[in-house]
Amino acid sequence: MSAKSILIALLTATLASCAQQSAEVPALKVEGVKLYQTGCDTPVAWHGISFGWHNLWPRFYNKAAVATLAGEWGCPVFRAAIGADTLHETEDNRGYIDYPERALECLYNVIDGAIENGAYVIVDWHSHVLHTEEAVEFFRTVATKYAGCNNVIYELFNEPVSREFEDALDYGEPTHESLMAYWAELKEYAAAIIPVIEEASACHPLILMGCPRWDQAIGCAIEDPIDFYDNLMYTVHFYAATHGQWLRDRSDAALQAGLPVFISECAACEASGDGPIDPQAWKEWVEWADARDISMLTWSISDKNETCSMFTPEASSEGPWGDDVIKEWGRITREWLKK
């Protein structure tokens, strides 16, 4: 058998195995502003968890951790936050662009763990700036490997910020005109990536699209929605102690305009990821999302010294985890998952 024939045979076997493993996981379809599993009349409204940046906490990116979270915590959907950029300019924190092999190894561990446990998994290109060429390569690679797997959801861009941020790290509030111009760039980015995913995956997967200003300027999409792909939802991110009724109002406006909303990252603390947990603000968000059948994933599986990190450094990489190594936010998330 030629080398080419062997490669084709291996690829075919991989795809067949993936299809068999995910056979009982229904495909996902956006209808109106809600998400459905094929063959089910009840909208999907998940409570799930996001892993932290893979290049900061790679130790949690393993199949055993996914199995523990799916089995003991009851998590039905995971988010693998694959960092595109190198953080803090150290070799250990290299992102996909500088160290794609480790990024893909971490990602595949989480995807395979989700498939084995009958869960869904969001492939998150975790960046705040545009990297179109690298993102195309990344999504083509992943979509080809998991072609036909209903488990896999694609999040094109974690948290776009603004053109001012990309050009000069300006955290100020850009003008409406500037935001709309940036949103036009983001639509071009989506137009470059979505066909690649659809062709490589050989199906019509659910795709999540980020919005400017850390996924809070969803009004840009209301004014100029993506009209070239229909199985798509727009992401909104909140940190309850910082983002309140004003962001829910924006999200309600999006729903009223016919835009489906998916909360792929959230927590009950401040936007910094730190500060006190605000139980009342968290409750308001949960009740709002549940009433509208909106899925939410909490941030994050990590062991950083901050409020929204769920574990202490003493926690094992695989689990199971006792309450002595689960921080307050982790315990709140664990109980919320069961509701």
C-alpha atoms as a PDB file:
ATOM      1  CA  MET A   1       0.000   0.000   0.000  1.00  0.00           C
ATOM      2  CA  SER A   2       1.357   3.409  -0.943  1.00  0.00           C
ATOM      3  CA  ALA A   3       2.016   6.121   1.616  1.00  0.00           C
ATOM      4  CA  LYS A   4      -0.863   8.121   0.146  1.00  0.00           C
ATOM      5  CA  SER A   5      -3.216   5.153   0.469  1.00  0.00           C
ATOM      6  CA  ILE A   6      -2.174   4.620   4.063  1.00  0.00           C
ATOM      7  CA  LEU A   7      -2.832   8.292   4.845  1.00  0.00           C
ATOM      8  CA  ILE A   8      -6.282   8.141   3.256  1.00  0.00           C
ATOM      9  CA  ALA A   9      -7.100   4.939   5.115  1.00  0.00           C
ATOM     10  CA  LEU A  10      -6.056   6.443   8.427  1.00  0.00           C
ATOM     11  CA  LEU A  11      -8.093   9.589   7.780  1.00  0.00           C
ATOM     12  CA  THR A  12     -11.140   7.553   6.812  1.00  0.00           C
ATOM     13  CA  ALA A  13     -10.853   5.433   9.933  1.00  0.00           C
ATOM     14  CA  THR A  14     -10.506   8.524  12.100  1.00  0.00           C
ATOM     15  CA  LEU A  15     -13.584  10.156  10.606  1.00  0.00           C
ATOM     16  CA  ALA A  16     -15.619   6.949  10.824  1.00  0.00           C
ATOM     17  CA  SER A  17     -14.638   6.535  14.468  1.00  0.00           C
ATOM     18  CA  CYS A  18     -15.612  10.127  15.215  1.00  0.00           C
ATOM     19  CA  ALA A  19     -18.957   9.744  13.469  1.00  0.00           C
ATOM     20  CA  GLN A  20     -19.679   6.556  15.416  1.00  0.00           C
ATOM     21  CA  GLN A  21     -18.722   8.111  18.744  1.00  0.00           C
ATOM     22  CA  SER A  22     -20.967  11.119  18.168  1.00  0.00           C
ATOM     23  CA  ALA A  23     -23.870   9.228  16.568  1.00  0.00           C
ATOM     24  CA  GLU A  24     -26.145   9.765  19.582  1.00  0.00           C
ATOM     25  CA  VAL A  25     -25.354  13.482  19.859  1.00  0.00           C
ATOM     26  CA  PRO A  26     -27.905  15.378  17.747  1.00  0.00           C
ATOM     27  CA  ALA A  27     -26.874  18.068  15.322  1.00  0.00           C
ATOM     28  CA  LEU A  28     -27.613  21.645  16.355  1.00  0.00           C
ATOM     29  CA  LYS A  29     -29.805  24.046  14.417  1.00  0.00           C
ATOM     30  CA  VAL A  30     -30.645  27.704  14.994  1.00  0.00           C
ATOM     31  CA  GLU A  31     -34.312  28.482  14.377  1.00  0.00           C
ATOM     32  CA  GLY A  32     -35.319  32.074  14.901  1.00  0.00           C
ATOM     33  CA  VAL A  33     -33.497  33.208  18.036  1.00  0.00           C
ATOM     34  CA  LYS A  34     -33.300  29.778  19.674  1.00  0.00           C
ATOM     35  CA  LEU A  35     -31.090  26.733  19.385  1.00  0.00           C
ATOM     36  CA  TYR A  36     -32.453  23.228  18.917  1.00  0.00           C
ATOM     37  CA  GLN A  37     -31.136  19.706  18.694  1.00  0.00           C
ATOM     38  CA  THR A  38     -32.441  17.937  15.624  1.00  0.00           C
ATOM     39  CA  GLY A  39     -35.474  15.831  16.450  1.00  0.00           C
ATOM     40  CA  CYS A  40     -36.290  17.813  19.608  1.00  0.00           C
ATOM     41  CA  ASP A  41     -38.953  20.514  19.974  1.00  0.00           C
ATOM     42  CA  THR A  42     -37.502  21.925  23.215  1.00  0.00           C
ATOM     43  CA  PRO A  43     -34.868  24.670  22.814  1.00  0.00           C
ATOM     44  CA  VAL A  44     -31.349  24.083  24.068  1.00  0.00           C
ATOM     45  CA  ALA A  45     -30.498  26.143  27.148  1.00  0.00           C
ATOM     46  CA  TRP A  46     -27.210  24.772  28.449  1.00  0.00           C
ATOM     47  CA  HIS A  47     -25.360  25.458  31.662  1.00  0.00           C
ATOM     48  CA  GLY A  48     -21.699  24.736  30.849  1.00  0.00           C
ATOM     49  CA  ILE A  49     -18.055  25.516  31.636  1.00  0.00           C
ATOM     50  CA  SER A  50     -15.133  27.092  29.802  1.00  0.00           C
ATOM     51  CA  PHE A  51     -11.567  25.990  30.324  1.00  0.00           C
ATOM     52  CA  GLY A  52      -9.109  28.839  30.860  1.00  0.00           C
ATOM     53  CA  TRP A  53      -6.487  29.854  28.287  1.00  0.00           C
ATOM     54  CA  HIS A  54      -4.776  26.662  27.102  1.00  0.00           C
ATOM     55  CA  ASN A  55      -1.374  28.356  27.131  1.00  0.00           C
ATOM     56  CA  LEU A  56      -1.730  29.365  30.776  1.00  0.00           C
ATOM     57  CA  TRP A  57      -3.387  26.237  32.170  1.00  0.00           C
ATOM     58  CA  PRO A  58      -2.548  23.370  29.803  1.00  0.00           C
ATOM     59  CA  ARG A  59      -2.538  20.922  32.701  1.00  0.00           C
ATOM     60  CA  PHE A  60      -6.336  20.888  32.828  1.00  0.00           C
ATOM     61  CA  TYR A  61      -6.635  20.125  29.106  1.00  0.00           C
ATOM     62  CA  ASN A  62      -6.985  16.359  29.438  1.00  0.00           C
ATOM     63  CA  LYS A  63      -9.692  13.769  28.890  1.00  0.00           C
ATOM     64  CA  ALA A  64      -9.861  12.787  32.553  1.00  0.00           C
ATOM     65  CA  ALA A  65     -10.754  16.350  33.600  1.00  0.00           C
ATOM     66  CA  VAL A  66     -13.518  16.433  30.987  1.00  0.00           C
ATOM     67  CA  ALA A  67     -14.828  13.073  32.210  1.00  0.00           C
ATOM     68  CA  THR A  68     -14.895  14.276  35.821  1.00  0.00           C
ATOM     69  CA  LEU A  69     -16.704  17.493  34.914  1.00  0.00           C
ATOM     70  CA  ALA A  70     -19.181  15.658  32.689  1.00  0.00           C
ATOM     71  CA  GLY A  71     -19.830  12.824  35.120  1.00  0.00           C
ATOM     72  CA  GLU A  72     -19.561  14.269  38.616  1.00  0.00           C
ATOM     73  CA  TRP A  73     -20.499  17.877  37.842  1.00  0.00           C
ATOM     74  CA  GLY A  74     -23.029  17.097  35.089  1.00  0.00           C
ATOM     75  CA  CYS A  75     -21.542  19.459  32.491  1.00  0.00           C
ATOM     76  CA  PRO A  76     -23.144  18.986  29.015  1.00  0.00           C
ATOM     77  CA  VAL A  77     -21.010  21.462  27.054  1.00  0.00           C
ATOM     78  CA  PHE A  78     -17.405  22.606  27.330  1.00  0.00           C
ATOM     79  CA  ARG A  79     -15.410  25.448  25.816  1.00  0.00           C
ATOM     80  CA  ALA A  80     -11.769  24.986  24.943  1.00  0.00           C
ATOM     81  CA  ALA A  81     -10.160  28.446  25.014  1.00  0.00           C
ATOM     82  CA  ILE A  82      -7.245  28.030  22.616  1.00  0.00           C
ATOM     83  CA  GLY A  83      -5.065  31.103  23.017  1.00  0.00           C
ATOM     84  CA  ALA A  84      -3.917  32.487  19.693  1.00  0.00           C
ATOM     85  CA  ASP A  85      -1.310  34.875  21.075  1.00  0.00           C
ATOM     86  CA  THR A  86       1.751  34.360  23.223  1.00  0.00           C
ATOM     87  CA  LEU A  87       1.092  35.818  26.670  1.00  0.00           C
ATOM     88  CA  HIS A  88       3.612  37.658  28.830  1.00  0.00           C
ATOM     89  CA  GLU A  89       6.326  36.946  26.225  1.00  0.00           C
ATOM     90  CA  THR A  90       7.519  33.741  27.879  1.00  0.00           C
ATOM     91  CA  GLU A  91       8.145  30.430  26.156  1.00  0.00           C
ATOM     92  CA  ASP A  92       5.768  28.534  28.433  1.00  0.00           C
ATOM     93  CA  ASN A  93       2.885  30.833  27.474  1.00  0.00           C
ATOM     94  CA  ARG A  94       3.201  30.515  23.698  1.00  0.00           C
ATOM     95  CA  GLY A  95      -0.136  30.512  21.887  1.00  0.00           C
ATOM     96  CA  TYR A  96      -1.261  28.675  18.791  1.00  0.00           C
ATOM     97  CA  ILE A  97       0.524  31.066  16.430  1.00  0.00           C
ATOM     98  CA  ASP A  98       3.932  30.364  18.013  1.00  0.00           C
ATOM     99  CA  TYR A  99       3.338  26.788  19.219  1.00  0.00           C
ATOM    100  CA  PRO A 100       0.510  25.139  17.229  1.00  0.00           C
ATOM    101  CA  GLU A 101       1.465  21.576  18.179  1.00  0.00           C
ATOM    102  CA  ARG A 102       0.793  22.038  21.883  1.00  0.00           C
ATOM    103  CA  ALA A 103      -2.379  24.052  21.206  1.00  0.00           C
ATOM    104  CA  LEU A 104      -3.829  21.306  19.038  1.00  0.00           C
ATOM    105  CA  GLU A 105      -2.822  18.593  21.496  1.00  0.00           C
ATOM    106  CA  CYS A 106      -4.635  20.429  24.299  1.00  0.00           C
ATOM    107  CA  LEU A 107      -7.678  21.048  22.109  1.00  0.00           C
ATOM    108  CA  TYR A 108      -7.926  17.475  20.844  1.00  0.00           C
ATOM    109  CA  ASN A 109      -7.791  16.158  24.418  1.00  0.00           C
ATOM    110  CA  VAL A 110     -10.844  18.219  25.340  1.00  0.00           C
ATOM    111  CA  ILE A 111     -12.752  17.460  22.125  1.00  0.00           C
ATOM    112  CA  ASP A 112     -12.087  13.731  22.380  1.00  0.00           C
ATOM    113  CA  GLY A 113     -13.069  13.767  26.048  1.00  0.00           C
ATOM    114  CA  ALA A 114     -16.319  15.539  25.221  1.00  0.00           C
ATOM    115  CA  ILE A 115     -17.119  13.067  22.445  1.00  0.00           C
ATOM    116  CA  GLU A 116     -16.454  10.100  24.721  1.00  0.00           C
ATOM    117  CA  ASN A 117     -18.772  11.557  27.363  1.00  0.00           C
ATOM    118  CA  GLY A 118     -21.616  12.522  25.023  1.00  0.00           C
ATOM    119  CA  ALA A 119     -21.036  16.251  25.499  1.00  0.00           C
ATOM    120  CA  TYR A 120     -20.724  19.180  23.125  1.00  0.00           C
ATOM    121  CA  VAL A 121     -17.553  21.256  22.878  1.00  0.00           C
ATOM    122  CA  ILE A 122     -16.877  24.791  21.656  1.00  0.00           C
ATOM    123  CA  VAL A 123     -13.621  25.320  19.776  1.00  0.00           C
ATOM    124  CA  ASP A 124     -12.789  28.870  20.826  1.00  0.00           C
ATOM    125  CA  TRP A 125     -10.174  30.962  18.971  1.00  0.00           C
ATOM    126  CA  HIS A 126      -9.230  32.886  22.088  1.00  0.00           C
ATOM    127  CA  SER A 127      -7.856  36.292  21.137  1.00  0.00           C
ATOM    128  CA  HIS A 128      -8.668  39.998  21.314  1.00  0.00           C
ATOM    129  CA  VAL A 129      -7.130  40.946  17.947  1.00  0.00           C
ATOM    130  CA  LEU A 130      -7.586  39.833  14.352  1.00  0.00           C
ATOM    131  CA  HIS A 131      -5.387  37.043  12.982  1.00  0.00           C
ATOM    132  CA  THR A 132      -7.289  36.025   9.869  1.00  0.00           C
ATOM    133  CA  GLU A 133      -4.663  33.927   8.111  1.00  0.00           C
ATOM    134  CA  GLU A 134      -3.743  31.962  11.223  1.00  0.00           C
ATOM    135  CA  ALA A 135      -7.388  31.490  12.194  1.00  0.00           C
ATOM    136  CA  VAL A 136      -8.228  30.086   8.758  1.00  0.00           C
ATOM    137  CA  GLU A 137      -5.425  27.545   9.121  1.00  0.00           C
ATOM    138  CA  PHE A 138      -6.524  26.635  12.648  1.00  0.00           C
ATOM    139  CA  PHE A 139     -10.193  26.129  11.856  1.00  0.00           C
ATOM    140  CA  ARG A 140      -9.464  24.190   8.655  1.00  0.00           C
ATOM    141  CA  THR A 141      -7.232  21.808  10.591  1.00  0.00           C
ATOM    142  CA  VAL A 142      -9.759  21.208  13.357  1.00  0.00           C
ATOM    143  CA  ALA A 143     -12.834  20.997  11.115  1.00  0.00           C
ATOM    144  CA  THR A 144     -11.063  18.476   8.858  1.00  0.00           C
ATOM    145  CA  LYS A 145     -10.084  16.268  11.776  1.00  0.00           C
ATOM    146  CA  TYR A 146     -13.603  16.302  13.255  1.00  0.00           C
ATOM    147  CA  ALA A 147     -15.601  16.273  10.025  1.00  0.00           C
ATOM    148  CA  GLY A 148     -19.082  14.923  10.652  1.00  0.00           C
ATOM    149  CA  CYS A 149     -18.893  15.242  14.451  1.00  0.00           C
ATOM    150  CA  ASN A 150     -22.051  16.901  15.753  1.00  0.00           C
ATOM    151  CA  ASN A 151     -20.320  17.500  19.100  1.00  0.00           C
ATOM    152  CA  VAL A 152     -18.148  20.323  17.769  1.00  0.00           C
ATOM    153  CA  ILE A 153     -19.171  24.002  17.786  1.00  0.00           C
ATOM    154  CA  TYR A 154     -16.909  26.724  16.394  1.00  0.00           C
ATOM    155  CA  GLU A 155     -16.410  30.098  18.103  1.00  0.00           C
ATOM    156  CA  LEU A 156     -14.667  32.300  15.547  1.00  0.00           C
ATOM    157  CA  PHE A 157     -13.319  35.058  17.791  1.00  0.00           C
ATOM    158  CA  ASN A 158     -13.396  35.128  21.570  1.00  0.00           C
ATOM    159  CA  GLU A 159     -13.602  38.853  22.313  1.00  0.00           C
ATOM    160  CA  PRO A 160     -12.943  41.379  19.558  1.00  0.00           C
ATOM    161  CA  VAL A 161     -12.280  44.759  21.147  1.00  0.00           C
ATOM    162  CA  SER A 162     -11.945  47.663  18.712  1.00  0.00           C
ATOM    163  CA  ARG A 163      -9.695  48.979  15.973  1.00  0.00           C
ATOM    164  CA  GLU A 164      -8.243  51.481  18.468  1.00  0.00           C
ATOM    165  CA  PHE A 165      -7.310  48.589  20.750  1.00  0.00           C
ATOM    166  CA  GLU A 166      -5.667  46.645  17.920  1.00  0.00           C
ATOM    167  CA  ASP A 167      -3.711  49.660  16.696  1.00  0.00           C
ATOM    168  CA  ALA A 168      -2.666  51.274  19.981  1.00  0.00           C
ATOM    169  CA  LEU A 169      -3.993  49.226  22.911  1.00  0.00           C
ATOM    170  CA  ASP A 170      -6.471  52.037  23.540  1.00  0.00           C
ATOM    171  CA  TYR A 171      -9.049  50.859  26.081  1.00  0.00           C
ATOM    172  CA  GLY A 172     -11.173  53.988  25.682  1.00  0.00           C
ATOM    173  CA  GLU A 173     -14.685  54.061  24.298  1.00  0.00           C
ATOM    174  CA  PRO A 174     -14.540  54.256  20.478  1.00  0.00           C
ATOM    175  CA  THR A 175     -17.110  56.155  18.459  1.00  0.00           C
ATOM    176  CA  HIS A 176     -20.104  54.436  16.936  1.00  0.00           C
ATOM    177  CA  GLU A 177     -18.642  55.002  13.485  1.00  0.00           C
ATOM    178  CA  SER A 178     -15.373  53.397  14.532  1.00  0.00           C
ATOM    179  CA  LEU A 179     -17.147  50.393  16.001  1.00  0.00           C
ATOM    180  CA  MET A 180     -19.210  49.880  12.860  1.00  0.00           C
ATOM    181  CA  ALA A 181     -16.074  50.094  10.713  1.00  0.00           C
ATOM    182  CA  TYR A 182     -14.438  47.482  12.936  1.00  0.00           C
ATOM    183  CA  TRP A 183     -17.539  45.311  12.738  1.00  0.00           C
ATOM    184  CA  ALA A 184     -17.244  45.447   8.944  1.00  0.00           C
ATOM    185  CA  GLU A 185     -13.726  44.034   9.331  1.00  0.00           C
ATOM    186  CA  LEU A 186     -15.059  41.305  11.601  1.00  0.00           C
ATOM    187  CA  LYS A 187     -17.678  40.357   9.025  1.00  0.00           C
ATOM    188  CA  GLU A 188     -14.930  40.035   6.405  1.00  0.00           C
ATOM    189  CA  TYR A 189     -13.047  37.831   8.868  1.00  0.00           C
ATOM    190  CA  ALA A 190     -16.118  35.638   9.339  1.00  0.00           C
ATOM    191  CA  ALA A 191     -16.625  35.463   5.583  1.00  0.00           C
ATOM    192  CA  ALA A 192     -13.075  34.133   5.226  1.00  0.00           C
ATOM    193  CA  ILE A 193     -13.445  31.449   7.892  1.00  0.00           C
ATOM    194  CA  ILE A 194     -17.021  30.154   7.759  1.00  0.00           C
ATOM    195  CA  PRO A 195     -16.785  28.617   4.244  1.00  0.00           C
ATOM    196  CA  VAL A 196     -13.543  26.907   5.266  1.00  0.00           C
ATOM    197  CA  ILE A 197     -15.225  25.339   8.309  1.00  0.00           C
ATOM    198  CA  GLU A 198     -18.333  24.329   6.387  1.00  0.00           C
ATOM    199  CA  GLU A 199     -16.359  22.731   3.558  1.00  0.00           C
ATOM    200  CA  ALA A 200     -13.868  20.939   5.803  1.00  0.00           C
ATOM    201  CA  SER A 201     -16.451  19.706   8.312  1.00  0.00           C
ATOM    202  CA  ALA A 202     -18.730  18.339   5.573  1.00  0.00           C
ATOM    203  CA  CYS A 203     -21.757  19.496   7.550  1.00  0.00           C
ATOM    204  CA  HIS A 204     -23.511  22.679   8.676  1.00  0.00           C
ATOM    205  CA  PRO A 205     -22.129  23.175  12.192  1.00  0.00           C
ATOM    206  CA  LEU A 206     -23.193  25.719  14.771  1.00  0.00           C
ATOM    207  CA  ILE A 207     -20.945  28.771  14.613  1.00  0.00           C
ATOM    208  CA  LEU A 208     -20.599  31.471  17.283  1.00  0.00           C
ATOM    209  CA  MET A 209     -19.520  34.978  16.325  1.00  0.00           C
ATOM    210  CA  GLY A 210     -17.999  37.500  18.724  1.00  0.00           C
ATOM    211  CA  CYS A 211     -18.987  41.161  18.839  1.00  0.00           C
ATOM    212  CA  PRO A 212     -16.849  44.286  19.426  1.00  0.00           C
ATOM    213  CA  ARG A 213     -15.990  45.623  22.880  1.00  0.00           C
ATOM    214  CA  TRP A 214     -15.419  42.286  24.555  1.00  0.00           C
ATOM    215  CA  ASP A 215     -18.675  40.834  23.165  1.00  0.00           C
ATOM    216  CA  GLN A 216     -20.846  43.649  24.485  1.00  0.00           C
ATOM    217  CA  ALA A 217     -21.429  45.848  21.397  1.00  0.00           C
ATOM    218  CA  ILE A 218     -23.978  43.487  19.907  1.00  0.00           C
ATOM    219  CA  GLY A 219     -25.771  46.558  18.544  1.00  0.00           C
ATOM    220  CA  CYS A 220     -23.274  46.488  15.658  1.00  0.00           C
ATOM    221  CA  ALA A 221     -24.703  43.149  14.575  1.00  0.00           C
ATOM    222  CA  ILE A 222     -28.241  44.460  14.936  1.00  0.00           C
ATOM    223  CA  GLU A 223     -27.432  47.215  12.436  1.00  0.00           C
ATOM    224  CA  ASP A 224     -25.531  44.963  10.047  1.00  0.00           C
ATOM    225  CA  PRO A 225     -26.066  41.243  10.729  1.00  0.00           C
ATOM    226  CA  ILE A 226     -24.176  38.388   9.112  1.00  0.00           C
ATOM    227  CA  ASP A 227     -26.424  37.224   6.275  1.00  0.00           C
ATOM    228  CA  PHE A 228     -24.258  34.593   4.569  1.00  0.00           C
ATOM    229  CA  TYR A 229     -24.611  31.778   7.129  1.00  0.00           C
ATOM    230  CA  ASP A 230     -27.782  30.804   8.942  1.00  0.00           C
ATOM    231  CA  ASN A 231     -26.615  28.378  11.650  1.00  0.00           C
ATOM    232  CA  LEU A 232     -24.979  31.157  13.639  1.00  0.00           C
ATOM    233  CA  MET A 233     -25.389  32.831  17.025  1.00  0.00           C
ATOM    234  CA  TYR A 234     -23.806  36.004  18.440  1.00  0.00           C
ATOM    235  CA  THR A 235     -21.861  35.804  21.668  1.00  0.00           C
ATOM    236  CA  VAL A 236     -22.366  38.077  24.656  1.00  0.00           C
ATOM    237  CA  HIS A 237     -19.964  37.950  27.624  1.00  0.00           C
ATOM    238  CA  PHE A 238     -20.736  39.311  31.067  1.00  0.00           C
ATOM    239  CA  TYR A 239     -19.193  39.544  34.506  1.00  0.00           C
ATOM    240  CA  ALA A 240     -22.172  40.116  36.740  1.00  0.00           C
ATOM    241  CA  ALA A 241     -20.600  42.510  39.266  1.00  0.00           C
ATOM    242  CA  THR A 242     -19.713  44.869  36.374  1.00  0.00           C
ATOM    243  CA  HIS A 243     -22.220  44.231  33.589  1.00  0.00           C
ATOM    244  CA  GLY A 244     -25.825  44.691  34.609  1.00  0.00           C
ATOM    245  CA  GLN A 245     -29.231  45.558  33.200  1.00  0.00           C
ATOM    246  CA  TRP A 246     -27.800  47.712  30.407  1.00  0.00           C
ATOM    247  CA  LEU A 247     -26.173  44.679  28.795  1.00  0.00           C
ATOM    248  CA  ARG A 248     -29.312  42.587  29.220  1.00  0.00           C
ATOM    249  CA  ASP A 249     -31.231  45.402  27.528  1.00  0.00           C
ATOM    250  CA  ARG A 250     -28.797  45.318  24.603  1.00  0.00           C
ATOM    251  CA  SER A 251     -29.188  41.575  24.385  1.00  0.00           C
ATOM    252  CA  ASP A 252     -32.978  41.843  24.496  1.00  0.00           C
ATOM    253  CA  ALA A 253     -32.795  44.340  21.639  1.00  0.00           C
ATOM    254  CA  ALA A 254     -30.782  41.788  19.654  1.00  0.00           C
ATOM    255  CA  LEU A 255     -33.355  39.090  20.320  1.00  0.00           C
ATOM    256  CA  GLN A 256     -36.172  41.417  19.276  1.00  0.00           C
ATOM    257  CA  ALA A 257     -34.256  42.128  16.057  1.00  0.00           C
ATOM    258  CA  GLY A 258     -34.075  38.392  15.373  1.00  0.00           C
ATOM    259  CA  LEU A 259     -30.451  37.813  16.422  1.00  0.00           C
ATOM    260  CA  PRO A 260     -29.839  34.646  18.462  1.00  0.00           C
ATOM    261  CA  VAL A 261     -27.653  35.147  21.550  1.00  0.00           C
ATOM    262  CA  PHE A 262     -25.217  32.686  23.149  1.00  0.00           C
ATOM    263  CA  ILE A 263     -23.290  33.503  26.346  1.00  0.00           C
ATOM    264  CA  SER A 264     -20.025  31.627  25.896  1.00  0.00           C
ATOM    265  CA  GLU A 265     -18.268  33.233  28.873  1.00  0.00           C
ATOM    266  CA  CYS A 266     -19.492  34.706  32.159  1.00  0.00           C
ATOM    267  CA  ALA A 267     -18.869  34.889  35.888  1.00  0.00           C
ATOM    268  CA  ALA A 268     -20.372  36.442  39.003  1.00  0.00           C
ATOM    269  CA  CYS A 269     -17.414  38.697  39.826  1.00  0.00           C
ATOM    270  CA  GLU A 270     -16.015  41.882  38.260  1.00  0.00           C
ATOM    271  CA  ALA A 271     -14.879  42.187  34.641  1.00  0.00           C
ATOM    272  CA  SER A 272     -11.262  41.958  35.811  1.00  0.00           C
ATOM    273  CA  GLY A 273     -11.970  38.354  36.768  1.00  0.00           C
ATOM    274  CA  ASP A 274     -11.377  39.318  40.366  1.00  0.00           C
ATOM    275  CA  GLY A 275     -13.160  41.173  43.151  1.00  0.00           C
ATOM    276  CA  PRO A 276     -16.118  39.985  45.207  1.00  0.00           C
ATOM    277  CA  ILE A 277     -18.807  37.678  43.875  1.00  0.00           C
ATOM    278  CA  ASP A 278     -22.162  39.454  43.540  1.00  0.00           C
ATOM    279  CA  PRO A 279     -24.810  36.756  44.213  1.00  0.00           C
ATOM    280  CA  GLN A 280     -27.787  38.999  43.431  1.00  0.00           C
ATOM    281  CA  ALA A 281     -26.349  40.208  40.127  1.00  0.00           C
ATOM    282  CA  TRP A 282     -25.536  36.600  39.193  1.00  0.00           C
ATOM    283  CA  LYS A 283     -29.078  35.504  40.061  1.00  0.00           C
ATOM    284  CA  GLU A 284     -30.523  38.227  37.829  1.00  0.00           C
ATOM    285  CA  TRP A 285     -28.448  37.073  34.881  1.00  0.00           C
ATOM    286  CA  VAL A 286     -29.301  33.405  35.400  1.00  0.00           C
ATOM    287  CA  GLU A 287     -33.016  34.108  35.625  1.00  0.00           C
ATOM    288  CA  TRP A 288     -32.874  36.339  32.559  1.00  0.00           C
ATOM    289  CA  ALA A 289     -31.024  33.746  30.457  1.00  0.00           C
ATOM    290  CA  ASP A 290     -33.130  30.794  31.594  1.00  0.00           C
ATOM    291  CA  ALA A 291     -36.340  32.669  30.793  1.00  0.00           C
ATOM    292  CA  ARG A 292     -35.118  33.203  27.220  1.00  0.00           C
ATOM    293  CA  ASP A 293     -33.576  29.741  26.662  1.00  0.00           C
ATOM    294  CA  ILE A 294     -30.091  31.222  26.377  1.00  0.00           C
ATOM    295  CA  SER A 295     -27.087  28.986  27.022  1.00  0.00           C
ATOM    296  CA  MET A 296     -24.334  30.148  29.380  1.00  0.00           C
ATOM    297  CA  LEU A 297     -20.814  28.881  30.060  1.00  0.00           C
ATOM    298  CA  THR A 298     -18.913  30.015  33.144  1.00  0.00           C
ATOM    299  CA  TRP A 299     -15.233  31.030  33.220  1.00  0.00           C
ATOM    300  CA  SER A 300     -13.014  29.128  34.073  1.00  0.00           C
ATOM    301  CA  ILE A 301     -11.248  25.833  34.735  1.00  0.00           C
ATOM    302  CA  SER A 302      -7.963  27.234  36.018  1.00  0.00           C
ATOM    303  CA  ASP A 303      -6.004  27.762  39.238  1.00  0.00           C
ATOM    304  CA  LYS A 304      -5.103  31.439  39.078  1.00  0.00           C
ATOM    305  CA  ASN A 305      -5.244  33.574  42.209  1.00  0.00           C
ATOM    306  CA  GLU A 306      -8.430  35.361  41.175  1.00  0.00           C
ATOM    307  CA  THR A 307     -12.137  35.059  41.899  1.00  0.00           C
ATOM    308  CA  CYS A 308     -13.309  33.505  38.631  1.00  0.00           C
ATOM    309  CA  SER A 309     -10.680  30.764  38.654  1.00  0.00           C
ATOM    310  CA  MET A 310     -12.398  27.658  40.024  1.00  0.00           C
ATOM    311  CA  PHE A 311      -9.509  25.716  41.589  1.00  0.00           C
ATOM    312  CA  THR A 312      -6.603  26.236  43.951  1.00  0.00           C
ATOM    313  CA  PRO A 313      -3.078  25.367  42.778  1.00  0.00           C
ATOM    314  CA  GLU A 314      -3.246  22.223  44.904  1.00  0.00           C
ATOM    315  CA  ALA A 315      -6.047  20.752  42.765  1.00  0.00           C
ATOM    316  CA  SER A 316      -5.119  17.784  40.610  1.00  0.00           C
ATOM    317  CA  SER A 317      -5.143  18.203  36.854  1.00  0.00           C
ATOM    318  CA  GLU A 318      -7.640  15.404  36.263  1.00  0.00           C
ATOM    319  CA  GLY A 319      -9.993  15.340  39.245  1.00  0.00           C
ATOM    320  CA  PRO A 320     -11.965  14.294  41.120  1.00  0.00           C
ATOM    321  CA  TRP A 321     -11.799  17.430  43.221  1.00  0.00           C
ATOM    322  CA  GLY A 322     -12.817  17.844  46.839  1.00  0.00           C
ATOM    323  CA  ASP A 323     -14.240  21.052  48.277  1.00  0.00           C
ATOM    324  CA  ASP A 324     -10.852  21.850  49.792  1.00  0.00           C
ATOM    325  CA  VAL A 325      -9.450  22.614  46.324  1.00  0.00           C
ATOM    326  CA  ILE A 326     -12.612  24.030  44.730  1.00  0.00           C
ATOM    327  CA  LYS A 327     -12.942  27.766  45.268  1.00  0.00           C
ATOM    328  CA  GLU A 328     -16.237  29.535  45.941  1.00  0.00           C
ATOM    329  CA  TRP A 329     -16.911  30.252  42.265  1.00  0.00           C
ATOM    330  CA  GLY A 330     -16.263  26.621  41.388  1.00  0.00           C
ATOM    331  CA  ARG A 331     -18.754  25.455  44.016  1.00  0.00           C
ATOM    332  CA  ILE A 332     -21.366  27.930  42.756  1.00  0.00           C
ATOM    333  CA  THR A 333     -20.822  26.723  39.196  1.00  0.00           C
ATOM    334  CA  ARG A 334     -21.053  23.062  40.221  1.00  0.00           C
ATOM    335  CA  GLU A 335     -24.418  23.622  41.876  1.00  0.00           C
ATOM    336  CA  TRP A 336     -25.682  25.763  38.967  1.00  0.00           C
ATOM    337  CA  LEU A 337     -24.815  23.000  36.500  1.00  0.00           C
ATOM    338  CA  LYS A 338     -27.238  20.679  38.237  1.00  0.00           C
ATOM    339  CA  LYS A 339     -30.219  23.034  37.905  1.00  0.00           C
END
